[in-house]
């Protein structure tokens, strides 16, 4: 549905092609190593998050997918479309998502 709206509003190319190539060529762990850091562990965890459709619409507007200037006077129609699309998937007017997070911890080694 988001892609359909992006295409309709001419906002499909908001993320430049190849945006991830610099990070692939120079991964975070290499950058940290050059700065004098060493790996100290990777940690992953999941959190269950509950959204109302209205909260999800607000989240979408806070991203580069469909921010308010792009939706402009189509915002009410977008909200109606989002509600129609997602309301059949709600339980107690909520959508549940399990969000996975991960971080890599690095530290500067102690001086001898």
C-alpha atoms as a PDB file:
ATOM      1  CA  UNK A   1       0.000   0.000   0.000  1.00  0.00           C
ATOM      2  CA  UNK A   2       2.828   2.419   0.815  1.00  0.00           C
ATOM      3  CA  UNK A   3       4.460   1.735  -2.541  1.00  0.00           C
ATOM      4  CA  UNK A   4       1.156   2.404  -4.320  1.00  0.00           C
ATOM      5  CA  UNK A   5       0.833   5.767  -2.554  1.00  0.00           C
ATOM      6  CA  UNK A   6       4.479   6.642  -3.187  1.00  0.00           C
ATOM      7  CA  UNK A   7       4.055   5.914  -6.888  1.00  0.00           C
ATOM      8  CA  UNK A   8       0.792   7.858  -7.093  1.00  0.00           C
ATOM      9  CA  UNK A   9       2.357  10.907  -5.419  1.00  0.00           C
ATOM     10  CA  UNK A  10       5.652  10.717  -7.303  1.00  0.00           C
ATOM     11  CA  UNK A  11       7.597   9.920  -4.146  1.00  0.00           C
ATOM     12  CA  UNK A  12       8.930   6.478  -5.064  1.00  0.00           C
ATOM     13  CA  UNK A  13      12.546   7.606  -5.540  1.00  0.00           C
ATOM     14  CA  UNK A  14      13.028   9.340  -2.199  1.00  0.00           C
ATOM     15  CA  UNK A  15      15.868   6.997  -1.170  1.00  0.00           C
ATOM     16  CA  UNK A  16      18.788   7.350  -3.591  1.00  0.00           C
ATOM     17  CA  UNK A  17      19.923   4.200  -5.382  1.00  0.00           C
ATOM     18  CA  UNK A  18      23.039   2.706  -3.850  1.00  0.00           C
ATOM     19  CA  UNK A  19      22.608   4.503  -0.508  1.00  0.00           C
ATOM     20  CA  UNK A  20      23.992   1.441   1.276  1.00  0.00           C
ATOM     21  CA  UNK A  21      27.140   0.969  -0.855  1.00  0.00           C
ATOM     22  CA  UNK A  22      29.449   3.213   1.221  1.00  0.00           C
ATOM     23  CA  UNK A  23      28.634   1.214   4.365  1.00  0.00           C
ATOM     24  CA  UNK A  24      29.224  -2.040   2.499  1.00  0.00           C
ATOM     25  CA  UNK A  25      32.625  -0.781   1.296  1.00  0.00           C
ATOM     26  CA  UNK A  26      33.572   0.538   4.751  1.00  0.00           C
ATOM     27  CA  UNK A  27      31.636  -1.416   7.409  1.00  0.00           C
ATOM     28  CA  UNK A  28      31.071  -0.003  10.870  1.00  0.00           C
ATOM     29  CA  UNK A  29      33.497  -2.430  12.533  1.00  0.00           C
ATOM     30  CA  UNK A  30      36.288  -1.205  10.216  1.00  0.00           C
ATOM     31  CA  UNK A  31      35.521   2.436  11.027  1.00  0.00           C
ATOM     32  CA  UNK A  32      35.535   1.666  14.758  1.00  0.00           C
ATOM     33  CA  UNK A  33      38.784  -0.290  14.481  1.00  0.00           C
ATOM     34  CA  UNK A  34      40.531   2.606  12.726  1.00  0.00           C
ATOM     35  CA  UNK A  35      39.329   4.882  15.537  1.00  0.00           C
ATOM     36  CA  UNK A  36      40.996   2.603  18.096  1.00  0.00           C
ATOM     37  CA  UNK A  37      37.962   0.623  19.279  1.00  0.00           C
ATOM     38  CA  UNK A  38      37.701  -3.137  19.661  1.00  0.00           C
ATOM     39  CA  UNK A  39      34.558  -5.277  19.637  1.00  0.00           C
ATOM     40  CA  UNK A  40      33.080  -5.960  23.073  1.00  0.00           C
ATOM     41  CA  UNK A  41      30.013  -7.964  22.059  1.00  0.00           C
ATOM     42  CA  UNK A  42      26.864  -8.030  20.010  1.00  0.00           C
ATOM     43  CA  UNK A  43      23.474  -7.978  21.689  1.00  0.00           C
ATOM     44  CA  UNK A  44      20.095  -8.686  20.128  1.00  0.00           C
ATOM     45  CA  UNK A  45      16.633  -8.427  21.644  1.00  0.00           C
ATOM     46  CA  UNK A  46      13.006  -8.210  20.602  1.00  0.00           C
ATOM     47  CA  UNK A  47      10.205  -6.057  21.938  1.00  0.00           C
ATOM     48  CA  UNK A  48       6.515  -6.401  21.269  1.00  0.00           C
ATOM     49  CA  UNK A  49       5.032  -3.097  20.148  1.00  0.00           C
ATOM     50  CA  UNK A  50       1.344  -2.249  19.831  1.00  0.00           C
ATOM     51  CA  UNK A  51       0.134   0.347  17.334  1.00  0.00           C
ATOM     52  CA  UNK A  52      -3.189   1.958  16.699  1.00  0.00           C
ATOM     53  CA  UNK A  53      -3.780   2.713  13.042  1.00  0.00           C
ATOM     54  CA  UNK A  54      -3.600   6.411  13.886  1.00  0.00           C
ATOM     55  CA  UNK A  55      -0.205   5.958  15.582  1.00  0.00           C
ATOM     56  CA  UNK A  56       1.065   3.991  12.601  1.00  0.00           C
ATOM     57  CA  UNK A  57      -0.115   6.739  10.236  1.00  0.00           C
ATOM     58  CA  UNK A  58       1.814   9.249  12.355  1.00  0.00           C
ATOM     59  CA  UNK A  59       4.903   7.055  12.246  1.00  0.00           C
ATOM     60  CA  UNK A  60       4.690   6.790   8.458  1.00  0.00           C
ATOM     61  CA  UNK A  61       4.506  10.591   8.263  1.00  0.00           C
ATOM     62  CA  UNK A  62       7.657  10.864  10.397  1.00  0.00           C
ATOM     63  CA  UNK A  63       9.682   8.874   7.866  1.00  0.00           C
ATOM     64  CA  UNK A  64      10.888   9.667   4.376  1.00  0.00           C
ATOM     65  CA  UNK A  65       8.277   7.304   2.878  1.00  0.00           C
ATOM     66  CA  UNK A  66       5.315   9.674   3.007  1.00  0.00           C
ATOM     67  CA  UNK A  67       6.044  12.794   5.072  1.00  0.00           C
ATOM     68  CA  UNK A  68       3.390  15.528   5.405  1.00  0.00           C
ATOM     69  CA  UNK A  69       4.725  17.636   2.495  1.00  0.00           C
ATOM     70  CA  UNK A  70       4.384  14.629   0.174  1.00  0.00           C
ATOM     71  CA  UNK A  71       0.901  13.648   1.382  1.00  0.00           C
ATOM     72  CA  UNK A  72      -0.203  17.304   1.417  1.00  0.00           C
ATOM     73  CA  UNK A  73      -3.929  17.494   0.670  1.00  0.00           C
ATOM     74  CA  UNK A  74      -4.096  13.696   0.150  1.00  0.00           C
ATOM     75  CA  UNK A  75      -3.577  12.989   3.868  1.00  0.00           C
ATOM     76  CA  UNK A  76      -7.235  12.241   4.662  1.00  0.00           C
ATOM     77  CA  UNK A  77      -7.508   9.852   1.695  1.00  0.00           C
ATOM     78  CA  UNK A  78      -4.282   8.127   2.756  1.00  0.00           C
ATOM     79  CA  UNK A  79      -5.601   7.721   6.317  1.00  0.00           C
ATOM     80  CA  UNK A  80      -8.858   6.261   5.002  1.00  0.00           C
ATOM     81  CA  UNK A  81      -6.969   3.837   2.749  1.00  0.00           C
ATOM     82  CA  UNK A  82      -4.649   2.807   5.585  1.00  0.00           C
ATOM     83  CA  UNK A  83      -7.621   2.243   7.900  1.00  0.00           C
ATOM     84  CA  UNK A  84      -9.469   0.193   5.283  1.00  0.00           C
ATOM     85  CA  UNK A  85      -6.358  -1.893   4.605  1.00  0.00           C
ATOM     86  CA  UNK A  86      -5.335  -2.548   8.209  1.00  0.00           C
ATOM     87  CA  UNK A  87      -8.545  -2.556  10.241  1.00  0.00           C
ATOM     88  CA  UNK A  88      -9.266  -6.191   9.397  1.00  0.00           C
ATOM     89  CA  UNK A  89      -5.941  -7.110  11.025  1.00  0.00           C
ATOM     90  CA  UNK A  90      -6.515  -5.336  14.333  1.00  0.00           C
ATOM     91  CA  UNK A  91      -7.359  -6.862  17.690  1.00  0.00           C
ATOM     92  CA  UNK A  92      -8.969  -4.406  20.122  1.00  0.00           C
ATOM     93  CA  UNK A  93      -8.132  -1.645  17.606  1.00  0.00           C
ATOM     94  CA  UNK A  94      -4.431  -2.498  17.890  1.00  0.00           C
ATOM     95  CA  UNK A  95      -1.823  -3.979  15.599  1.00  0.00           C
ATOM     96  CA  UNK A  96       0.984  -5.960  17.205  1.00  0.00           C
ATOM     97  CA  UNK A  97       4.505  -6.028  15.879  1.00  0.00           C
ATOM     98  CA  UNK A  98       7.583  -7.737  17.248  1.00  0.00           C
ATOM     99  CA  UNK A  99      10.492  -5.388  16.661  1.00  0.00           C
ATOM    100  CA  UNK A 100      14.009  -6.777  16.627  1.00  0.00           C
ATOM    101  CA  UNK A 101      16.923  -4.657  17.762  1.00  0.00           C
ATOM    102  CA  UNK A 102      20.643  -5.317  17.754  1.00  0.00           C
ATOM    103  CA  UNK A 103      23.689  -3.363  18.727  1.00  0.00           C
ATOM    104  CA  UNK A 104      27.386  -3.960  18.630  1.00  0.00           C
ATOM    105  CA  UNK A 105      29.305  -2.715  21.607  1.00  0.00           C
ATOM    106  CA  UNK A 106      32.862  -1.477  21.166  1.00  0.00           C
ATOM    107  CA  UNK A 107      35.380  -0.133  23.618  1.00  0.00           C
ATOM    108  CA  UNK A 108      38.774   1.452  23.636  1.00  0.00           C
ATOM    109  CA  UNK A 109      41.344  -0.962  25.071  1.00  0.00           C
ATOM    110  CA  UNK A 110      42.911  -0.039  28.399  1.00  0.00           C
ATOM    111  CA  UNK A 111      46.323   1.568  28.107  1.00  0.00           C
ATOM    112  CA  UNK A 112      49.207  -0.543  29.327  1.00  0.00           C
END
